[in-house]
PDB file of N, CA and C in Angstrom:
ATOM      1  N   MET A   1     -12.747  -5.677 -12.984  1.00  0.00           N
ATOM      2  CA  MET A   1     -11.766  -6.577 -12.393  1.00  0.00           C
ATOM      3  C   MET A   1     -12.360  -7.118 -11.090  1.00  0.00           C
ATOM      4  N   ASP A   2     -12.292  -8.442 -10.897  1.00  0.00           N
ATOM      5  CA  ASP A   2     -12.845  -8.967  -9.653  1.00  0.00           C
ATOM      6  C   ASP A   2     -11.843  -8.783  -8.508  1.00  0.00           C
ATOM      7  N   ASP A   3     -12.347  -8.914  -7.285  1.00  0.00           N
ATOM      8  CA  ASP A   3     -11.543  -8.633  -6.094  1.00  0.00           C
ATOM      9  C   ASP A   3     -10.247  -9.435  -6.057  1.00  0.00           C
ATOM     10  N   ASP A   4     -10.346 -10.754  -6.313  1.00  0.00           N
ATOM     11  CA  ASP A   4      -9.152 -11.600  -6.232  1.00  0.00           C
ATOM     12  C   ASP A   4      -8.096 -11.194  -7.254  1.00  0.00           C
ATOM     13  N   ASP A   5      -8.510 -10.944  -8.484  1.00  0.00           N
ATOM     14  CA  ASP A   5      -7.564 -10.525  -9.522  1.00  0.00           C
ATOM     15  C   ASP A   5      -6.897  -9.205  -9.147  1.00  0.00           C
ATOM     16  N   TYR A   6      -7.711  -8.285  -8.641  1.00  0.00           N
ATOM     17  CA  TYR A   6      -7.202  -6.963  -8.266  1.00  0.00           C
ATOM     18  C   TYR A   6      -6.132  -7.089  -7.184  1.00  0.00           C
ATOM     19  N   PHE A   7      -6.453  -7.811  -6.109  1.00  0.00           N
ATOM     20  CA  PHE A   7      -5.517  -7.902  -4.998  1.00  0.00           C
ATOM     21  C   PHE A   7      -4.299  -8.763  -5.352  1.00  0.00           C
ATOM     22  N   ASP A   8      -4.463  -9.758  -6.213  1.00  0.00           N
ATOM     23  CA  ASP A   8      -3.308 -10.524  -6.703  1.00  0.00           C
ATOM     24  C   ASP A   8      -2.375  -9.615  -7.501  1.00  0.00           C
ATOM     25  N   LYS A   9      -2.954  -8.773  -8.334  1.00  0.00           N
ATOM     26  CA  LYS A   9      -2.140  -7.848  -9.129  1.00  0.00           C
ATOM     27  C   LYS A   9      -1.395  -6.870  -8.212  1.00  0.00           C
ATOM     28  N   LEU A  10      -2.077  -6.356  -7.196  1.00  0.00           N
ATOM     29  CA  LEU A  10      -1.405  -5.476  -6.237  1.00  0.00           C
ATOM     30  C   LEU A  10      -0.231  -6.194  -5.577  1.00  0.00           C
ATOM     31  N   ASP A  11      -0.459  -7.455  -5.153  1.00  0.00           N
ATOM     32  CA  ASP A  11       0.610  -8.228  -4.515  1.00  0.00           C
ATOM     33  C   ASP A  11       1.824  -8.339  -5.421  1.00  0.00           C
ATOM     34  N   ARG A  12       1.599  -8.693  -6.689  1.00  0.00           N
ATOM     35  CA  ARG A  12       2.697  -8.864  -7.634  1.00  0.00           C
ATOM     36  C   ARG A  12       3.442  -7.552  -7.867  1.00  0.00           C
ATOM     37  N   LEU A  13       2.683  -6.487  -8.103  1.00  0.00           N
ATOM     38  CA  LEU A  13       3.312  -5.203  -8.388  1.00  0.00           C
ATOM     39  C   LEU A  13       4.085  -4.666  -7.190  1.00  0.00           C
ATOM     40  N   GLU A  14       3.498  -4.822  -6.014  1.00  0.00           N
ATOM     41  CA  GLU A  14       4.119  -4.273  -4.803  1.00  0.00           C
ATOM     42  C   GLU A  14       5.538  -4.791  -4.614  1.00  0.00           C
ATOM     43  N   GLU A  15       5.789  -6.020  -4.993  1.00  0.00           N
ATOM     44  CA  GLU A  15       7.102  -6.633  -4.799  1.00  0.00           C
ATOM     45  C   GLU A  15       8.134  -6.205  -5.830  1.00  0.00           C
ATOM     46  N   THR A  16       7.694  -5.623  -6.948  1.00  0.00           N
ATOM     47  CA  THR A  16       8.627  -5.364  -8.040  1.00  0.00           C
ATOM     48  C   THR A  16       8.853  -3.888  -8.344  1.00  0.00           C
ATOM     49  N   ILE A  17       8.190  -3.010  -7.644  1.00  0.00           N
ATOM     50  CA  ILE A  17       8.294  -1.575  -7.945  1.00  0.00           C
ATOM     51  C   ILE A  17       9.717  -1.095  -7.684  1.00  0.00           C
ATOM     52  N   ALA A  18      10.305  -0.479  -8.706  1.00  0.00           N
ATOM     53  CA  ALA A  18      11.693  -0.023  -8.593  1.00  0.00           C
ATOM     54  C   ALA A  18      11.888   1.418  -9.045  1.00  0.00           C
ATOM     55  N   THR A  19      10.845   2.035  -9.607  1.00  0.00           N
ATOM     56  CA  THR A  19      10.992   3.394 -10.137  1.00  0.00           C
ATOM     57  C   THR A  19       9.784   4.242  -9.751  1.00  0.00           C
ATOM     58  N   PRO A  20       9.930   5.564  -9.812  1.00  0.00           N
ATOM     59  CA  PRO A  20       8.780   6.429  -9.564  1.00  0.00           C
ATOM     60  C   PRO A  20       7.629   6.168 -10.545  1.00  0.00           C
ATOM     61  N   ASP A  21       7.932   5.855 -11.792  1.00  0.00           N
ATOM     62  CA  ASP A  21       6.879   5.564 -12.769  1.00  0.00           C
ATOM     63  C   ASP A  21       6.084   4.321 -12.385  1.00  0.00           C
ATOM     64  N   GLU A  22       6.782   3.300 -11.919  1.00  0.00           N
ATOM     65  CA  GLU A  22       6.096   2.083 -11.478  1.00  0.00           C
ATOM     66  C   GLU A  22       5.249   2.359 -10.242  1.00  0.00           C
ATOM     67  N   LEU A  23       5.756   3.192  -9.339  1.00  0.00           N
ATOM     68  CA  LEU A  23       4.963   3.574  -8.174  1.00  0.00           C
ATOM     69  C   LEU A  23       3.731   4.345  -8.607  1.00  0.00           C
ATOM     70  N   SER A  24       3.856   5.210  -9.586  1.00  0.00           N
ATOM     71  CA  SER A  24       2.717   5.956 -10.111  1.00  0.00           C
ATOM     72  C   SER A  24       1.654   5.008 -10.660  1.00  0.00           C
ATOM     73  N   ASP A  25       2.084   3.975 -11.385  1.00  0.00           N
ATOM     74  CA  ASP A  25       1.147   2.977 -11.903  1.00  0.00           C
ATOM     75  C   ASP A  25       0.448   2.246 -10.758  1.00  0.00           C
ATOM     76  N   PHE A  26       1.192   1.946  -9.710  1.00  0.00           N
ATOM     77  CA  PHE A  26       0.638   1.268  -8.540  1.00  0.00           C
ATOM     78  C   PHE A  26      -0.410   2.147  -7.858  1.00  0.00           C
ATOM     79  N   VAL A  27      -0.093   3.425  -7.690  1.00  0.00           N
ATOM     80  CA  VAL A  27      -1.038   4.366  -7.077  1.00  0.00           C
ATOM     81  C   VAL A  27      -2.297   4.482  -7.938  1.00  0.00           C
ATOM     82  N   ALA A  28      -2.124   4.483  -9.248  1.00  0.00           N
ATOM     83  CA  ALA A  28      -3.285   4.518 -10.144  1.00  0.00           C
ATOM     84  C   ALA A  28      -4.146   3.277  -9.951  1.00  0.00           C
ATOM     85  N   LEU A  29      -3.526   2.116  -9.732  1.00  0.00           N
ATOM     86  CA  LEU A  29      -4.279   0.892  -9.487  1.00  0.00           C
ATOM     87  C   LEU A  29      -4.998   0.959  -8.142  1.00  0.00           C
ATOM     88  N   LEU A  30      -4.343   1.504  -7.122  1.00  0.00           N
ATOM     89  CA  LEU A  30      -5.023   1.709  -5.829  1.00  0.00           C
ATOM     90  C   LEU A  30      -6.242   2.600  -6.018  1.00  0.00           C
ATOM     91  N   ASN A  31      -6.063   3.677  -6.760  1.00  0.00           N
ATOM     92  CA  ASN A  31      -7.151   4.622  -7.010  1.00  0.00           C
ATOM     93  C   ASN A  31      -8.300   3.946  -7.763  1.00  0.00           C
ATOM     94  N   ARG A  32      -7.947   3.148  -8.758  1.00  0.00           N
ATOM     95  CA  ARG A  32      -8.974   2.443  -9.528  1.00  0.00           C
ATOM     96  C   ARG A  32      -9.785   1.516  -8.622  1.00  0.00           C
ATOM     97  N   GLY A  33      -9.097   0.756  -7.793  1.00  0.00           N
ATOM     98  CA  GLY A  33      -9.782  -0.144  -6.863  1.00  0.00           C
ATOM     99  C   GLY A  33     -10.660   0.611  -5.890  1.00  0.00           C
ATOM    100  N   TYR A  34     -10.181   1.747  -5.418  1.00  0.00           N
ATOM    101  CA  TYR A  34     -10.977   2.566  -4.507  1.00  0.00           C
ATOM    102  C   TYR A  34     -12.225   3.084  -5.216  1.00  0.00           C
ATOM    103  N   SER A  35     -12.053   3.550  -6.442  1.00  0.00           N
ATOM    104  CA  SER A  35     -13.178   4.065  -7.229  1.00  0.00           C
ATOM    105  C   SER A  35     -14.211   2.982  -7.518  1.00  0.00           C
ATOM    106  N   GLU A  36     -13.754   1.736  -7.637  1.00  0.00           N
ATOM    107  CA  GLU A  36     -14.657   0.621  -7.933  1.00  0.00           C
ATOM    108  C   GLU A  36     -15.229  -0.026  -6.674  1.00  0.00           C
ATOM    109  N   GLY A  37     -14.926   0.549  -5.504  1.00  0.00           N
ATOM    110  CA  GLY A  37     -15.501   0.061  -4.257  1.00  0.00           C
ATOM    111  C   GLY A  37     -14.806  -1.143  -3.647  1.00  0.00           C
ATOM    112  N   LEU A  38     -13.560  -1.411  -4.059  1.00  0.00           N
ATOM    113  CA  LEU A  38     -12.831  -2.543  -3.505  1.00  0.00           C
ATOM    114  C   LEU A  38     -12.162  -2.217  -2.177  1.00  0.00           C
ATOM    115  N   TRP A  39     -12.150  -0.964  -1.817  1.00  0.00           N
ATOM    116  CA  TRP A  39     -11.620  -0.503  -0.532  1.00  0.00           C
ATOM    117  C   TRP A  39     -12.751   0.203   0.220  1.00  0.00           C
ATOM    118  N   GLU A  40     -12.657   0.184   1.533  1.00  0.00           N
ATOM    119  CA  GLU A  40     -13.636   0.892   2.343  1.00  0.00           C
ATOM    120  C   GLU A  40     -13.538   2.388   2.052  1.00  0.00           C
ATOM    121  N   GLU A  41     -14.692   3.020   1.913  1.00  0.00           N
ATOM    122  CA  GLU A  41     -14.705   4.457   1.633  1.00  0.00           C
ATOM    123  C   GLU A  41     -14.129   5.221   2.823  1.00  0.00           C
ATOM    124  N   GLN A  42     -13.294   6.220   2.507  1.00  0.00           N
ATOM    125  CA  GLN A  42     -12.663   7.027   3.544  1.00  0.00           C
ATOM    126  C   GLN A  42     -12.234   8.365   2.964  1.00  0.00           C
ATOM    127  N   GLY A  43     -12.069   9.315   3.823  1.00  0.00           N
ATOM    128  CA  GLY A  43     -11.611  10.627   3.406  1.00  0.00           C
ATOM    129  C   GLY A  43     -10.101  10.735   3.514  1.00  0.00           C
ATOM    130  N   VAL A  44      -9.592  11.827   3.010  1.00  0.00           N
ATOM    131  CA  VAL A  44      -8.141  12.027   2.997  1.00  0.00           C
ATOM    132  C   VAL A  44      -7.583  12.093   4.422  1.00  0.00           C
ATOM    133  N   VAL A  45      -8.330  12.645   5.355  1.00  0.00           N
ATOM    134  CA  VAL A  45      -7.848  12.730   6.738  1.00  0.00           C
ATOM    135  C   VAL A  45      -7.650  11.329   7.315  1.00  0.00           C
ATOM    136  N   GLU A  46      -8.609  10.430   7.036  1.00  0.00           N
ATOM    137  CA  GLU A  46      -8.483   9.061   7.532  1.00  0.00           C
ATOM    138  C   GLU A  46      -7.311   8.345   6.862  1.00  0.00           C
ATOM    139  N   TYR A  47      -7.153   8.561   5.561  1.00  0.00           N
ATOM    140  CA  TYR A  47      -6.067   7.896   4.846  1.00  0.00           C
ATOM    141  C   TYR A  47      -4.704   8.396   5.340  1.00  0.00           C
ATOM    142  N   LEU A  48      -4.579   9.694   5.511  1.00  0.00           N
ATOM    143  CA  LEU A  48      -3.318  10.227   6.039  1.00  0.00           C
ATOM    144  C   LEU A  48      -3.056   9.707   7.443  1.00  0.00           C
ATOM    145  N   GLY A  49      -4.107   9.586   8.235  1.00  0.00           N
ATOM    146  CA  GLY A  49      -3.961   8.984   9.558  1.00  0.00           C
ATOM    147  C   GLY A  49      -3.507   7.541   9.462  1.00  0.00           C
ATOM    148  N   GLY A  50      -4.000   6.834   8.448  1.00  0.00           N
ATOM    149  CA  GLY A  50      -3.558   5.464   8.217  1.00  0.00           C
ATOM    150  C   GLY A  50      -2.085   5.393   7.866  1.00  0.00           C
ATOM    151  N   ILE A  51      -1.628   6.300   7.021  1.00  0.00           N
ATOM    152  CA  ILE A  51      -0.201   6.347   6.674  1.00  0.00           C
ATOM    153  C   ILE A  51       0.621   6.631   7.925  1.00  0.00           C
ATOM    154  N   GLU A  52       0.155   7.582   8.716  1.00  0.00           N
ATOM    155  CA  GLU A  52       0.860   7.904   9.962  1.00  0.00           C
ATOM    156  C   GLU A  52       0.943   6.674  10.867  1.00  0.00           C
ATOM    157  N   GLY A  53      -0.167   5.954  10.995  1.00  0.00           N
ATOM    158  CA  GLY A  53      -0.184   4.756  11.830  1.00  0.00           C
ATOM    159  C   GLY A  53       0.762   3.677  11.325  1.00  0.00           C
ATOM    160  N   VAL A  54       0.795   3.484  10.022  1.00  0.00           N
ATOM    161  CA  VAL A  54       1.703   2.493   9.443  1.00  0.00           C
ATOM    162  C   VAL A  54       3.150   2.879   9.730  1.00  0.00           C
ATOM    163  N   LEU A  55       3.480   4.139   9.521  1.00  0.00           N
ATOM    164  CA  LEU A  55       4.854   4.576   9.759  1.00  0.00           C
ATOM    165  C   LEU A  55       5.225   4.487  11.234  1.00  0.00           C
ATOM    166  N   ASP A  56       4.291   4.850  12.122  1.00  0.00           N
ATOM    167  CA  ASP A  56       4.557   4.752  13.565  1.00  0.00           C
ATOM    168  C   ASP A  56       4.765   3.301  14.006  1.00  0.00           C
ATOM    169  N   GLY A  57       4.081   2.370  13.351  1.00  0.00           N
ATOM    170  CA  GLY A  57       4.175   0.965  13.722  1.00  0.00           C
ATOM    171  C   GLY A  57       4.945   0.113  12.729  1.00  0.00           C
ATOM    172  N   LEU A  58       5.813   0.737  11.941  1.00  0.00           N
ATOM    173  CA  LEU A  58       6.499   0.025  10.863  1.00  0.00           C
ATOM    174  C   LEU A  58       7.327  -1.152  11.371  1.00  0.00           C
ATOM    175  N   GLU A  59       7.984  -0.982  12.480  1.00  0.00           N
ATOM    176  CA  GLU A  59       8.806  -2.077  13.011  1.00  0.00           C
ATOM    177  C   GLU A  59       7.927  -3.286  13.354  1.00  0.00           C
ATOM    178  N   GLY A  60       6.786  -3.039  13.979  1.00  0.00           N
ATOM    179  CA  GLY A  60       5.861  -4.128  14.311  1.00  0.00           C
ATOM    180  C   GLY A  60       5.262  -4.760  13.065  1.00  0.00           C
ATOM    181  N   LEU A  61       4.944  -3.935  12.072  1.00  0.00           N
ATOM    182  CA  LEU A  61       4.415  -4.452  10.809  1.00  0.00           C
ATOM    183  C   LEU A  61       5.420  -5.418  10.188  1.00  0.00           C
ATOM    184  N   CYS A  62       6.677  -5.023  10.186  1.00  0.00           N
ATOM    185  CA  CYS A  62       7.716  -5.874   9.609  1.00  0.00           C
ATOM    186  C   CYS A  62       7.793  -7.205  10.358  1.00  0.00           C
ATOM    187  N   LYS A  63       7.778  -7.164  11.670  1.00  0.00           N
ATOM    188  CA  LYS A  63       7.841  -8.398  12.465  1.00  0.00           C
ATOM    189  C   LYS A  63       6.625  -9.277  12.183  1.00  0.00           C
ATOM    190  N   ASN A  64       5.436  -8.684  12.132  1.00  0.00           N
ATOM    191  CA  ASN A  64       4.205  -9.458  11.937  1.00  0.00           C
ATOM    192  C   ASN A  64       4.143 -10.133  10.575  1.00  0.00           C
ATOM    193  N   TYR A  65       4.702  -9.494   9.542  1.00  0.00           N
ATOM    194  CA  TYR A  65       4.619 -10.034   8.186  1.00  0.00           C
ATOM    195  C   TYR A  65       5.929 -10.664   7.701  1.00  0.00           C
ATOM    196  N   GLY A  66       6.932 -10.693   8.557  1.00  0.00           N
ATOM    197  CA  GLY A  66       8.197 -11.321   8.185  1.00  0.00           C
ATOM    198  C   GLY A  66       9.045 -10.507   7.232  1.00  0.00           C
ATOM    199  N   PHE A  67       8.832  -9.189   7.200  1.00  0.00           N
ATOM    200  CA  PHE A  67       9.648  -8.314   6.359  1.00  0.00           C
ATOM    201  C   PHE A  67      10.862  -7.844   7.142  1.00  0.00           C
ATOM    202  N   GLU A  68      11.959  -7.621   6.430  1.00  0.00           N
ATOM    203  CA  GLU A  68      13.118  -7.002   7.054  1.00  0.00           C
ATOM    204  C   GLU A  68      12.849  -5.506   7.171  1.00  0.00           C
ATOM    205  N   TYR A  69      13.146  -4.932   8.334  1.00  0.00           N
ATOM    206  CA  TYR A  69      12.905  -3.502   8.540  1.00  0.00           C
ATOM    207  C   TYR A  69      13.767  -2.709   7.564  1.00  0.00           C
ATOM    208  N   PRO A  70      13.151  -1.800   6.793  1.00  0.00           N
ATOM    209  CA  PRO A  70      13.903  -1.065   5.768  1.00  0.00           C
ATOM    210  C   PRO A  70      14.600   0.175   6.329  1.00  0.00           C
ATOM    211  N   GLU A  71      15.892   0.083   6.534  1.00  0.00           N
ATOM    212  CA  GLU A  71      16.636   1.262   6.991  1.00  0.00           C
ATOM    213  C   GLU A  71      16.590   2.362   5.932  1.00  0.00           C
ATOM    214  N   GLN A  72      16.630   1.956   4.677  1.00  0.00           N
ATOM    215  CA  GLN A  72      16.516   2.876   3.545  1.00  0.00           C
ATOM    216  C   GLN A  72      15.390   2.344   2.658  1.00  0.00           C
ATOM    217  N   PRO A  73      14.136   2.800   2.885  1.00  0.00           N
ATOM    218  CA  PRO A  73      13.001   2.264   2.128  1.00  0.00           C
ATOM    219  C   PRO A  73      13.149   2.455   0.619  1.00  0.00           C
ATOM    220  N   SER A  74      12.649   1.483  -0.108  1.00  0.00           N
ATOM    221  CA  SER A  74      12.677   1.494  -1.571  1.00  0.00           C
ATOM    222  C   SER A  74      11.342   2.017  -2.098  1.00  0.00           C
ATOM    223  N   TRP A  75      11.249   2.128  -3.410  1.00  0.00           N
ATOM    224  CA  TRP A  75       9.970   2.495  -4.034  1.00  0.00           C
ATOM    225  C   TRP A  75       8.918   1.441  -3.710  1.00  0.00           C
ATOM    226  N   ALA A  76       9.342   0.181  -3.654  1.00  0.00           N
ATOM    227  CA  ALA A  76       8.407  -0.895  -3.313  1.00  0.00           C
ATOM    228  C   ALA A  76       7.879  -0.715  -1.888  1.00  0.00           C
ATOM    229  N   TRP A  77       8.740  -0.279  -0.980  1.00  0.00           N
ATOM    230  CA  TRP A  77       8.289  -0.047   0.394  1.00  0.00           C
ATOM    231  C   TRP A  77       7.307   1.126   0.447  1.00  0.00           C
ATOM    232  N   PHE A  78       7.548   2.136  -0.319  1.00  0.00           N
ATOM    233  CA  PHE A  78       6.629   3.269  -0.379  1.00  0.00           C
ATOM    234  C   PHE A  78       5.256   2.771  -0.813  1.00  0.00           C
ATOM    235  N   ALA A  79       5.222   1.907  -1.832  1.00  0.00           N
ATOM    236  CA  ALA A  79       3.955   1.331  -2.304  1.00  0.00           C
ATOM    237  C   ALA A  79       3.290   0.521  -1.204  1.00  0.00           C
ATOM    238  N   ARG A  80       4.068  -0.302  -0.515  1.00  0.00           N
ATOM    239  CA  ARG A  80       3.521  -1.132   0.564  1.00  0.00           C
ATOM    240  C   ARG A  80       2.900  -0.254   1.652  1.00  0.00           C
ATOM    241  N   ILE A  81       3.566   0.822   2.007  1.00  0.00           N
ATOM    242  CA  ILE A  81       3.046   1.733   3.042  1.00  0.00           C
ATOM    243  C   ILE A  81       1.735   2.341   2.595  1.00  0.00           C
ATOM    244  N   LEU A  82       1.663   2.792   1.327  1.00  0.00           N
ATOM    245  CA  LEU A  82       0.419   3.383   0.820  1.00  0.00           C
ATOM    246  C   LEU A  82      -0.714   2.362   0.832  1.00  0.00           C
ATOM    247  N   ARG A  83      -0.414   1.156   0.432  1.00  0.00           N
ATOM    248  CA  ARG A  83      -1.446   0.106   0.395  1.00  0.00           C
ATOM    249  C   ARG A  83      -1.920  -0.279   1.796  1.00  0.00           C
ATOM    250  N   VAL A  84      -0.993  -0.516   2.688  1.00  0.00           N
ATOM    251  CA  VAL A  84      -1.365  -0.932   4.044  1.00  0.00           C
ATOM    252  C   VAL A  84      -2.161   0.164   4.745  1.00  0.00           C
ATOM    253  N   ALA A  85      -1.886   1.419   4.409  1.00  0.00           N
ATOM    254  CA  ALA A  85      -2.616   2.545   5.014  1.00  0.00           C
ATOM    255  C   ALA A  85      -4.111   2.472   4.744  1.00  0.00           C
ATOM    256  N   PHE A  86      -4.513   1.934   3.595  1.00  0.00           N
ATOM    257  CA  PHE A  86      -5.951   1.774   3.330  1.00  0.00           C
ATOM    258  C   PHE A  86      -6.596   0.914   4.424  1.00  0.00           C
ATOM    259  N   GLY A  87      -5.911  -0.122   4.852  1.00  0.00           N
ATOM    260  CA  GLY A  87      -6.460  -1.010   5.863  1.00  0.00           C
ATOM    261  C   GLY A  87      -6.354  -0.484   7.285  1.00  0.00           C
ATOM    262  N   HIS A  88      -5.503   0.500   7.484  1.00  0.00           N
ATOM    263  CA  HIS A  88      -5.288   1.032   8.835  1.00  0.00           C
ATOM    264  C   HIS A  88      -5.982   2.359   9.063  1.00  0.00           C
ATOM    265  N   SER A  89      -6.720   2.823   8.077  1.00  0.00           N
ATOM    266  CA  SER A  89      -7.375   4.127   8.253  1.00  0.00           C
ATOM    267  C   SER A  89      -8.836   3.955   8.554  1.00  0.00           C
TER     268      SER A  89
END
């Protein structure tokens, strides 16, 4: 899968995730992209730090990207947090 197709697919899926099974499929796609070198290589400590950073700055992330702050995050928000953490770790 080329980079553009991969990231377009992530964009589409991220907006529609409504169940744990769909989130599992999304995580599998993140893993596939990571395995194929589409993400910067990192260890679990860096990735967890990225998740922590995203959660600590969630309000700012929402403002920067025009998202409404999720008082009660959805499965789609969980996916978005996992994805954005790759870029913040």
